Amino acid sequence: MAEQKQIWVKYVANVYDIIDRLRARHAGLEIESCSGGGGRLDLGILRRVDEVWTSDNTEAFDRLGIQEGFTYAYAPKVMMPGSPTFRT
């Protein structure tokens, strides 16, 4: 179990590193992240991406529940296309 956790920690650190290097080389690059299923929404990713999609599911009725649940942990403006960047 400890090894699995280390794999996940290293994976996330490498994702951050890739995004950081891409941004350093391509200042105008827009990057989106999707939290659905992959657990890819956290404060670290919010600093690095321009938009966050709460799910790949685009069916309107389903999105109501998804977006409501999302707002229990994050501000609604984070999930909207064209939201301001959270990079510092």
PDB file of N, CA and C in Angstrom:
ATOM      1  N   MET A   1       0.818  -1.193   0.000  1.00  0.00           N
ATOM      2  CA  MET A   1       0.000   0.000   0.000  1.00  0.00           C
ATOM      3  C   MET A   1       0.863   1.259   0.000  1.00  0.00           C
ATOM      4  N   ALA A   2       1.916   1.286   0.772  1.00  0.00           N
ATOM      5  CA  ALA A   2       2.792   2.455   0.834  1.00  0.00           C
ATOM      6  C   ALA A   2       3.420   2.735  -0.528  1.00  0.00           C
ATOM      7  N   GLU A   3       3.777   1.683  -1.248  1.00  0.00           N
ATOM      8  CA  GLU A   3       4.362   1.860  -2.579  1.00  0.00           C
ATOM      9  C   GLU A   3       3.356   2.480  -3.541  1.00  0.00           C
ATOM     10  N   GLN A   4       2.100   2.071  -3.450  1.00  0.00           N
ATOM     11  CA  GLN A   4       1.056   2.648  -4.302  1.00  0.00           C
ATOM     12  C   GLN A   4       0.893   4.141  -4.026  1.00  0.00           C
ATOM     13  N   LYS A   5       0.943   4.520  -2.762  1.00  0.00           N
ATOM     14  CA  LYS A   5       0.835   5.935  -2.414  1.00  0.00           C
ATOM     15  C   LYS A   5       1.998   6.723  -2.992  1.00  0.00           C
ATOM     16  N   GLN A   6       3.198   6.159  -2.926  1.00  0.00           N
ATOM     17  CA  GLN A   6       4.375   6.834  -3.470  1.00  0.00           C
ATOM     18  C   GLN A   6       4.269   6.999  -4.982  1.00  0.00           C
ATOM     19  N   ILE A   7       3.714   6.005  -5.649  1.00  0.00           N
ATOM     20  CA  ILE A   7       3.515   6.110  -7.097  1.00  0.00           C
ATOM     21  C   ILE A   7       2.582   7.276  -7.400  1.00  0.00           C
ATOM     22  N   TRP A   8       1.498   7.399  -6.639  1.00  0.00           N
ATOM     23  CA  TRP A   8       0.539   8.492  -6.866  1.00  0.00           C
ATOM     24  C   TRP A   8       1.196   9.853  -6.584  1.00  0.00           C
ATOM     25  N   VAL A   9       1.935   9.964  -5.514  1.00  0.00           N
ATOM     26  CA  VAL A   9       2.600  11.223  -5.167  1.00  0.00           C
ATOM     27  C   VAL A   9       3.582  11.615  -6.268  1.00  0.00           C
ATOM     28  N   LYS A  10       4.341  10.656  -6.758  1.00  0.00           N
ATOM     29  CA  LYS A  10       5.305  10.940  -7.831  1.00  0.00           C
ATOM     30  C   LYS A  10       4.580  11.312  -9.126  1.00  0.00           C
ATOM     31  N   TYR A  11       3.480  10.642  -9.410  1.00  0.00           N
ATOM     32  CA  TYR A  11       2.689  10.960 -10.605  1.00  0.00           C
ATOM     33  C   TYR A  11       2.215  12.414 -10.551  1.00  0.00           C
ATOM     34  N   VAL A  12       1.630  12.824  -9.435  1.00  0.00           N
ATOM     35  CA  VAL A  12       1.120  14.191  -9.293  1.00  0.00           C
ATOM     36  C   VAL A  12       2.257  15.201  -9.403  1.00  0.00           C
ATOM     37  N   ALA A  13       3.375  14.936  -8.754  1.00  0.00           N
ATOM     38  CA  ALA A  13       4.523  15.844  -8.836  1.00  0.00           C
ATOM     39  C   ALA A  13       5.006  15.984 -10.278  1.00  0.00           C
ATOM     40  N   ASN A  14       4.993  14.893 -11.028  1.00  0.00           N
ATOM     41  CA  ASN A  14       5.410  14.945 -12.428  1.00  0.00           C
ATOM     42  C   ASN A  14       4.409  15.692 -13.297  1.00  0.00           C
ATOM     43  N   VAL A  15       3.122  15.541 -13.034  1.00  0.00           N
ATOM     44  CA  VAL A  15       2.108  16.310 -13.764  1.00  0.00           C
ATOM     45  C   VAL A  15       2.339  17.804 -13.537  1.00  0.00           C
ATOM     46  N   TYR A  16       2.527  18.190 -12.292  1.00  0.00           N
ATOM     47  CA  TYR A  16       2.801  19.593 -11.976  1.00  0.00           C
ATOM     48  C   TYR A  16       4.058  20.078 -12.702  1.00  0.00           C
ATOM     49  N   ASP A  17       5.094  19.276 -12.693  1.00  0.00           N
ATOM     50  CA  ASP A  17       6.348  19.650 -13.339  1.00  0.00           C
ATOM     51  C   ASP A  17       6.153  19.842 -14.841  1.00  0.00           C
ATOM     52  N   ILE A  18       5.419  18.949 -15.467  1.00  0.00           N
ATOM     53  CA  ILE A  18       5.158  19.065 -16.905  1.00  0.00           C
ATOM     54  C   ILE A  18       4.404  20.354 -17.211  1.00  0.00           C
ATOM     55  N   ILE A  19       3.359  20.624 -16.439  1.00  0.00           N
ATOM     56  CA  ILE A  19       2.586  21.850 -16.656  1.00  0.00           C
ATOM     57  C   ILE A  19       3.468  23.081 -16.438  1.00  0.00           C
ATOM     58  N   ASP A  20       4.260  23.082 -15.391  1.00  0.00           N
ATOM     59  CA  ASP A  20       5.142  24.216 -15.102  1.00  0.00           C
ATOM     60  C   ASP A  20       6.138  24.451 -16.242  1.00  0.00           C
ATOM     61  N   ARG A  21       6.707  23.371 -16.773  1.00  0.00           N
ATOM     62  CA  ARG A  21       7.666  23.520 -17.873  1.00  0.00           C
ATOM     63  C   ARG A  21       6.975  23.997 -19.148  1.00  0.00           C
ATOM     64  N   LEU A  22       5.776  23.483 -19.415  1.00  0.00           N
ATOM     65  CA  LEU A  22       5.024  23.953 -20.583  1.00  0.00           C
ATOM     66  C   LEU A  22       4.721  25.442 -20.480  1.00  0.00           C
ATOM     67  N   ARG A  23       4.294  25.874 -19.303  1.00  0.00           N
ATOM     68  CA  ARG A  23       3.989  27.299 -19.096  1.00  0.00           C
ATOM     69  C   ARG A  23       5.240  28.166 -19.246  1.00  0.00           C
ATOM     70  N   ALA A  24       6.378  27.673 -18.769  1.00  0.00           N
ATOM     71  CA  ALA A  24       7.622  28.436 -18.879  1.00  0.00           C
ATOM     72  C   ALA A  24       8.025  28.615 -20.343  1.00  0.00           C
ATOM     73  N   ARG A  25       7.771  27.616 -21.159  1.00  0.00           N
ATOM     74  CA  ARG A  25       8.165  27.675 -22.568  1.00  0.00           C
ATOM     75  C   ARG A  25       7.115  28.330 -23.455  1.00  0.00           C
ATOM     76  N   HIS A  26       5.858  28.297 -23.034  1.00  0.00           N
ATOM     77  CA  HIS A  26       4.747  28.789 -23.863  1.00  0.00           C
ATOM     78  C   HIS A  26       3.823  29.632 -22.990  1.00  0.00           C
ATOM     79  N   ALA A  27       4.183  30.882 -22.805  1.00  0.00           N
ATOM     80  CA  ALA A  27       3.489  31.758 -21.852  1.00  0.00           C
ATOM     81  C   ALA A  27       1.990  31.899 -22.121  1.00  0.00           C
ATOM     82  N   GLY A  28       1.557  31.861 -23.357  1.00  0.00           N
ATOM     83  CA  GLY A  28       0.144  32.052 -23.676  1.00  0.00           C
ATOM     84  C   GLY A  28      -0.667  30.771 -23.711  1.00  0.00           C
ATOM     85  N   LEU A  29      -0.059  29.662 -23.392  1.00  0.00           N
ATOM     86  CA  LEU A  29      -0.738  28.373 -23.449  1.00  0.00           C
ATOM     87  C   LEU A  29      -1.877  28.295 -22.442  1.00  0.00           C
ATOM     88  N   GLU A  30      -3.053  27.873 -22.902  1.00  0.00           N
ATOM     89  CA  GLU A  30      -4.186  27.650 -22.005  1.00  0.00           C
ATOM     90  C   GLU A  30      -4.296  26.160 -21.722  1.00  0.00           C
ATOM     91  N   ILE A  31      -4.451  25.815 -20.463  1.00  0.00           N
ATOM     92  CA  ILE A  31      -4.510  24.418 -20.049  1.00  0.00           C
ATOM     93  C   ILE A  31      -5.793  24.201 -19.258  1.00  0.00           C
ATOM     94  N   GLU A  32      -6.494  23.114 -19.589  1.00  0.00           N
ATOM     95  CA  GLU A  32      -7.703  22.732 -18.873  1.00  0.00           C
ATOM     96  C   GLU A  32      -7.441  21.442 -18.107  1.00  0.00           C
ATOM     97  N   SER A  33      -8.196  21.246 -17.034  1.00  0.00           N
ATOM     98  CA  SER A  33      -8.106  20.011 -16.262  1.00  0.00           C
ATOM     99  C   SER A  33      -9.505  19.471 -16.047  1.00  0.00           C
ATOM    100  N   CYS A  34      -9.619  18.161 -15.976  1.00  0.00           N
ATOM    101  CA  CYS A  34     -10.903  17.525 -15.699  1.00  0.00           C
ATOM    102  C   CYS A  34     -10.780  16.719 -14.421  1.00  0.00           C
ATOM    103  N   SER A  35     -11.683  16.952 -13.493  1.00  0.00           N
ATOM    104  CA  SER A  35     -11.614  16.256 -12.210  1.00  0.00           C
ATOM    105  C   SER A  35     -12.299  14.897 -12.244  1.00  0.00           C
ATOM    106  N   GLY A  36     -13.097  14.657 -13.238  1.00  0.00           N
ATOM    107  CA  GLY A  36     -13.907  13.441 -13.275  1.00  0.00           C
ATOM    108  C   GLY A  36     -13.099  12.174 -13.113  1.00  0.00           C
ATOM    109  N   GLY A  37     -13.425  11.402 -12.113  1.00  0.00           N
ATOM    110  CA  GLY A  37     -12.870  10.076 -11.938  1.00  0.00           C
ATOM    111  C   GLY A  37     -11.391  10.011 -11.591  1.00  0.00           C
ATOM    112  N   GLY A  38     -10.592  10.880 -12.151  1.00  0.00           N
ATOM    113  CA  GLY A  38      -9.154  10.782 -11.972  1.00  0.00           C
ATOM    114  C   GLY A  38      -8.608  11.516 -10.767  1.00  0.00           C
ATOM    115  N   GLY A  39      -9.452  12.187 -10.026  1.00  0.00           N
ATOM    116  CA  GLY A  39      -8.990  12.891  -8.846  1.00  0.00           C
ATOM    117  C   GLY A  39      -8.024  14.018  -9.171  1.00  0.00           C
ATOM    118  N   ARG A  40      -8.172  14.623 -10.322  1.00  0.00           N
ATOM    119  CA  ARG A  40      -7.209  15.628 -10.762  1.00  0.00           C
ATOM    120  C   ARG A  40      -7.572  17.046 -10.357  1.00  0.00           C
ATOM    121  N   LEU A  41      -8.437  17.205  -9.411  1.00  0.00           N
ATOM    122  CA  LEU A  41      -8.762  18.555  -8.966  1.00  0.00           C
ATOM    123  C   LEU A  41      -8.281  18.727  -7.532  1.00  0.00           C
ATOM    124  N   ASP A  42      -7.296  19.583  -7.381  1.00  0.00           N
ATOM    125  CA  ASP A  42      -6.763  19.899  -6.070  1.00  0.00           C
ATOM    126  C   ASP A  42      -6.204  21.315  -6.135  1.00  0.00           C
ATOM    127  N   LEU A  43      -5.775  21.840  -5.027  1.00  0.00           N
ATOM    128  CA  LEU A  43      -5.280  23.214  -5.006  1.00  0.00           C
ATOM    129  C   LEU A  43      -4.026  23.387  -5.858  1.00  0.00           C
ATOM    130  N   GLY A  44      -3.224  22.355  -5.957  1.00  0.00           N
ATOM    131  CA  GLY A  44      -2.024  22.428  -6.788  1.00  0.00           C
ATOM    132  C   GLY A  44      -2.363  22.572  -8.259  1.00  0.00           C
ATOM    133  N   ILE A  45      -3.349  21.839  -8.720  1.00  0.00           N
ATOM    134  CA  ILE A  45      -3.723  21.927 -10.130  1.00  0.00           C
ATOM    135  C   ILE A  45      -4.425  23.258 -10.409  1.00  0.00           C
ATOM    136  N   LEU A  46      -5.174  23.768  -9.426  1.00  0.00           N
ATOM    137  CA  LEU A  46      -5.855  25.046  -9.620  1.00  0.00           C
ATOM    138  C   LEU A  46      -4.867  26.189  -9.839  1.00  0.00           C
ATOM    139  N   ARG A  47      -3.686  26.070  -9.271  1.00  0.00           N
ATOM    140  CA  ARG A  47      -2.638  27.095  -9.482  1.00  0.00           C
ATOM    141  C   ARG A  47      -2.069  27.028 -10.881  1.00  0.00           C
ATOM    142  N   ARG A  48      -2.248  25.907 -11.566  1.00  0.00           N
ATOM    143  CA  ARG A  48      -1.544  25.676 -12.817  1.00  0.00           C
ATOM    144  C   ARG A  48      -2.417  25.682 -14.066  1.00  0.00           C
ATOM    145  N   VAL A  49      -3.712  25.618 -13.922  1.00  0.00           N
ATOM    146  CA  VAL A  49      -4.577  25.532 -15.099  1.00  0.00           C
ATOM    147  C   VAL A  49      -5.506  26.735 -15.194  1.00  0.00           C
ATOM    148  N   ASP A  50      -6.075  26.915 -16.382  1.00  0.00           N
ATOM    149  CA  ASP A  50      -6.970  28.043 -16.626  1.00  0.00           C
ATOM    150  C   ASP A  50      -8.429  27.695 -16.364  1.00  0.00           C
ATOM    151  N   GLU A  51      -8.794  26.467 -16.650  1.00  0.00           N
ATOM    152  CA  GLU A  51     -10.176  26.030 -16.489  1.00  0.00           C
ATOM    153  C   GLU A  51     -10.211  24.626 -15.902  1.00  0.00           C
ATOM    154  N   VAL A  52     -11.246  24.363 -15.147  1.00  0.00           N
ATOM    155  CA  VAL A  52     -11.448  23.027 -14.584  1.00  0.00           C
ATOM    156  C   VAL A  52     -12.855  22.559 -14.956  1.00  0.00           C
ATOM    157  N   TRP A  53     -12.914  21.410 -15.548  1.00  0.00           N
ATOM    158  CA  TRP A  53     -14.201  20.800 -15.878  1.00  0.00           C
ATOM    159  C   TRP A  53     -14.539  19.802 -14.774  1.00  0.00           C
ATOM    160  N   THR A  54     -15.739  19.890 -14.252  1.00  0.00           N
ATOM    161  CA  THR A  54     -16.116  19.029 -13.128  1.00  0.00           C
ATOM    162  C   THR A  54     -16.350  17.588 -13.540  1.00  0.00           C
ATOM    163  N   SER A  55     -16.651  17.363 -14.819  1.00  0.00           N
ATOM    164  CA  SER A  55     -16.917  16.009 -15.288  1.00  0.00           C
ATOM    165  C   SER A  55     -16.902  15.989 -16.811  1.00  0.00           C
ATOM    166  N   ASP A  56     -16.708  14.816 -17.379  1.00  0.00           N
ATOM    167  CA  ASP A  56     -16.856  14.651 -18.826  1.00  0.00           C
ATOM    168  C   ASP A  56     -18.329  14.525 -19.218  1.00  0.00           C
ATOM    169  N   ASN A  57     -19.166  14.317 -18.245  1.00  0.00           N
ATOM    170  CA  ASN A  57     -20.607  14.181 -18.482  1.00  0.00           C
ATOM    171  C   ASN A  57     -21.184  15.562 -18.781  1.00  0.00           C
ATOM    172  N   THR A  58     -21.719  15.760 -19.982  1.00  0.00           N
ATOM    173  CA  THR A  58     -22.269  17.062 -20.366  1.00  0.00           C
ATOM    174  C   THR A  58     -23.794  17.056 -20.424  1.00  0.00           C
ATOM    175  N   GLU A  59     -24.429  15.984 -19.984  1.00  0.00           N
ATOM    176  CA  GLU A  59     -25.887  15.935 -19.975  1.00  0.00           C
ATOM    177  C   GLU A  59     -26.401  16.912 -18.922  1.00  0.00           C
ATOM    178  N   ALA A  60     -27.274  17.823 -19.336  1.00  0.00           N
ATOM    179  CA  ALA A  60     -27.672  18.963 -18.498  1.00  0.00           C
ATOM    180  C   ALA A  60     -28.212  18.544 -17.128  1.00  0.00           C
ATOM    181  N   PHE A  61     -29.113  17.580 -17.076  1.00  0.00           N
ATOM    182  CA  PHE A  61     -29.711  17.183 -15.805  1.00  0.00           C
ATOM    183  C   PHE A  61     -28.659  16.582 -14.868  1.00  0.00           C
ATOM    184  N   ASP A  62     -27.793  15.746 -15.401  1.00  0.00           N
ATOM    185  CA  ASP A  62     -26.732  15.151 -14.587  1.00  0.00           C
ATOM    186  C   ASP A  62     -25.781  16.214 -14.040  1.00  0.00           C
ATOM    187  N   ARG A  63     -25.507  17.226 -14.844  1.00  0.00           N
ATOM    188  CA  ARG A  63     -24.558  18.268 -14.426  1.00  0.00           C
ATOM    189  C   ARG A  63     -25.073  19.066 -13.241  1.00  0.00           C
ATOM    190  N   LEU A  64     -26.378  19.171 -13.100  1.00  0.00           N
ATOM    191  CA  LEU A  64     -26.913  19.896 -11.939  1.00  0.00           C
ATOM    192  C   LEU A  64     -26.405  19.291 -10.638  1.00  0.00           C
ATOM    193  N   GLY A  65     -26.516  17.990 -10.512  1.00  0.00           N
ATOM    194  CA  GLY A  65     -26.027  17.309  -9.307  1.00  0.00           C
ATOM    195  C   GLY A  65     -24.520  17.349  -9.174  1.00  0.00           C
ATOM    196  N   ILE A  66     -23.835  17.176 -10.302  1.00  0.00           N
ATOM    197  CA  ILE A  66     -22.369  17.206 -10.287  1.00  0.00           C
ATOM    198  C   ILE A  66     -21.875  18.573  -9.834  1.00  0.00           C
ATOM    199  N   GLN A  67     -22.453  19.627 -10.410  1.00  0.00           N
ATOM    200  CA  GLN A  67     -21.995  20.974 -10.077  1.00  0.00           C
ATOM    201  C   GLN A  67     -22.398  21.385  -8.668  1.00  0.00           C
ATOM    202  N   GLU A  68     -23.557  20.934  -8.225  1.00  0.00           N
ATOM    203  CA  GLU A  68     -23.940  21.232  -6.839  1.00  0.00           C
ATOM    204  C   GLU A  68     -22.948  20.591  -5.877  1.00  0.00           C
ATOM    205  N   GLY A  69     -22.646  19.325  -6.093  1.00  0.00           N
ATOM    206  CA  GLY A  69     -21.683  18.646  -5.239  1.00  0.00           C
ATOM    207  C   GLY A  69     -20.312  19.302  -5.285  1.00  0.00           C
ATOM    208  N   PHE A  70     -19.904  19.737  -6.455  1.00  0.00           N
ATOM    209  CA  PHE A  70     -18.615  20.399  -6.629  1.00  0.00           C
ATOM    210  C   PHE A  70     -18.511  21.640  -5.750  1.00  0.00           C
ATOM    211  N   THR A  71     -19.622  22.387  -5.640  1.00  0.00           N
ATOM    212  CA  THR A  71     -19.592  23.640  -4.886  1.00  0.00           C
ATOM    213  C   THR A  71     -19.500  23.435  -3.377  1.00  0.00           C
ATOM    214  N   TYR A  72     -19.631  22.211  -2.904  1.00  0.00           N
ATOM    215  CA  TYR A  72     -19.412  21.956  -1.475  1.00  0.00           C
ATOM    216  C   TYR A  72     -17.937  22.097  -1.109  1.00  0.00           C
ATOM    217  N   ALA A  73     -17.066  21.948  -2.088  1.00  0.00           N
ATOM    218  CA  ALA A  73     -15.632  22.006  -1.824  1.00  0.00           C
ATOM    219  C   ALA A  73     -14.925  23.173  -2.515  1.00  0.00           C
ATOM    220  N   TYR A  74     -15.468  23.634  -3.652  1.00  0.00           N
ATOM    221  CA  TYR A  74     -14.792  24.656  -4.443  1.00  0.00           C
ATOM    222  C   TYR A  74     -15.754  25.768  -4.839  1.00  0.00           C
ATOM    223  N   ALA A  75     -15.210  26.939  -5.109  1.00  0.00           N
ATOM    224  CA  ALA A  75     -16.023  28.066  -5.556  1.00  0.00           C
ATOM    225  C   ALA A  75     -16.554  27.796  -6.963  1.00  0.00           C
ATOM    226  N   PRO A  76     -17.805  28.173  -7.238  1.00  0.00           N
ATOM    227  CA  PRO A  76     -18.391  27.918  -8.564  1.00  0.00           C
ATOM    228  C   PRO A  76     -17.579  28.493  -9.716  1.00  0.00           C
ATOM    229  N   LYS A  77     -16.920  29.628  -9.532  1.00  0.00           N
ATOM    230  CA  LYS A  77     -16.188  30.244 -10.636  1.00  0.00           C
ATOM    231  C   LYS A  77     -15.038  29.383 -11.144  1.00  0.00           C
ATOM    232  N   VAL A  78     -14.589  28.426 -10.348  1.00  0.00           N
ATOM    233  CA  VAL A  78     -13.501  27.550 -10.756  1.00  0.00           C
ATOM    234  C   VAL A  78     -13.933  26.621 -11.879  1.00  0.00           C
ATOM    235  N   MET A  79     -15.202  26.247 -11.916  1.00  0.00           N
ATOM    236  CA  MET A  79     -15.654  25.257 -12.893  1.00  0.00           C
ATOM    237  C   MET A  79     -16.192  25.864 -14.177  1.00  0.00           C
ATOM    238  N   MET A  80     -16.196  27.158 -14.275  1.00  0.00           N
ATOM    239  CA  MET A  80     -16.797  27.778 -15.442  1.00  0.00           C
ATOM    240  C   MET A  80     -15.757  28.054 -16.518  1.00  0.00           C
ATOM    241  N   PRO A  81     -16.077  27.773 -17.790  1.00  0.00           N
ATOM    242  CA  PRO A  81     -15.149  28.112 -18.878  1.00  0.00           C
ATOM    243  C   PRO A  81     -14.842  29.605 -18.855  1.00  0.00           C
ATOM    244  N   GLY A  82     -13.603  29.923 -19.103  1.00  0.00           N
ATOM    245  CA  GLY A  82     -13.197  31.313 -19.108  1.00  0.00           C
ATOM    246  C   GLY A  82     -12.957  31.886 -17.730  1.00  0.00           C
ATOM    247  N   SER A  83     -12.896  31.010 -16.722  1.00  0.00           N
ATOM    248  CA  SER A  83     -12.671  31.509 -15.359  1.00  0.00           C
ATOM    249  C   SER A  83     -11.267  32.088 -15.252  1.00  0.00           C
ATOM    250  N   PRO A  84     -11.091  33.002 -14.304  1.00  0.00           N
ATOM    251  CA  PRO A  84      -9.742  33.576 -14.156  1.00  0.00           C
ATOM    252  C   PRO A  84      -8.755  32.523 -13.696  1.00  0.00           C
ATOM    253  N   THR A  85      -7.533  32.746 -14.009  1.00  0.00           N
ATOM    254  CA  THR A  85      -6.493  31.803 -13.625  1.00  0.00           C
ATOM    255  C   THR A  85      -6.219  31.893 -12.127  1.00  0.00           C
ATOM    256  N   PHE A  86      -5.763  30.796 -11.565  1.00  0.00           N
ATOM    257  CA  PHE A  86      -5.455  30.750 -10.137  1.00  0.00           C
ATOM    258  C   PHE A  86      -3.953  30.649  -9.910  1.00  0.00           C
ATOM    259  N   ARG A  87      -3.191  30.829 -10.976  1.00  0.00           N
ATOM    260  CA  ARG A  87      -1.735  30.794 -10.843  1.00  0.00           C
ATOM    261  C   ARG A  87      -1.270  32.052 -10.126  1.00  0.00           C
ATOM    262  N   THR A  88      -0.202  31.947  -9.356  1.00  0.00           N
ATOM    263  CA  THR A  88       0.345  33.120  -8.662  1.00  0.00           C
ATOM    264  C   THR A  88       1.660  33.520  -9.264  1.00  0.00           C
TER     265      THR A  88
END
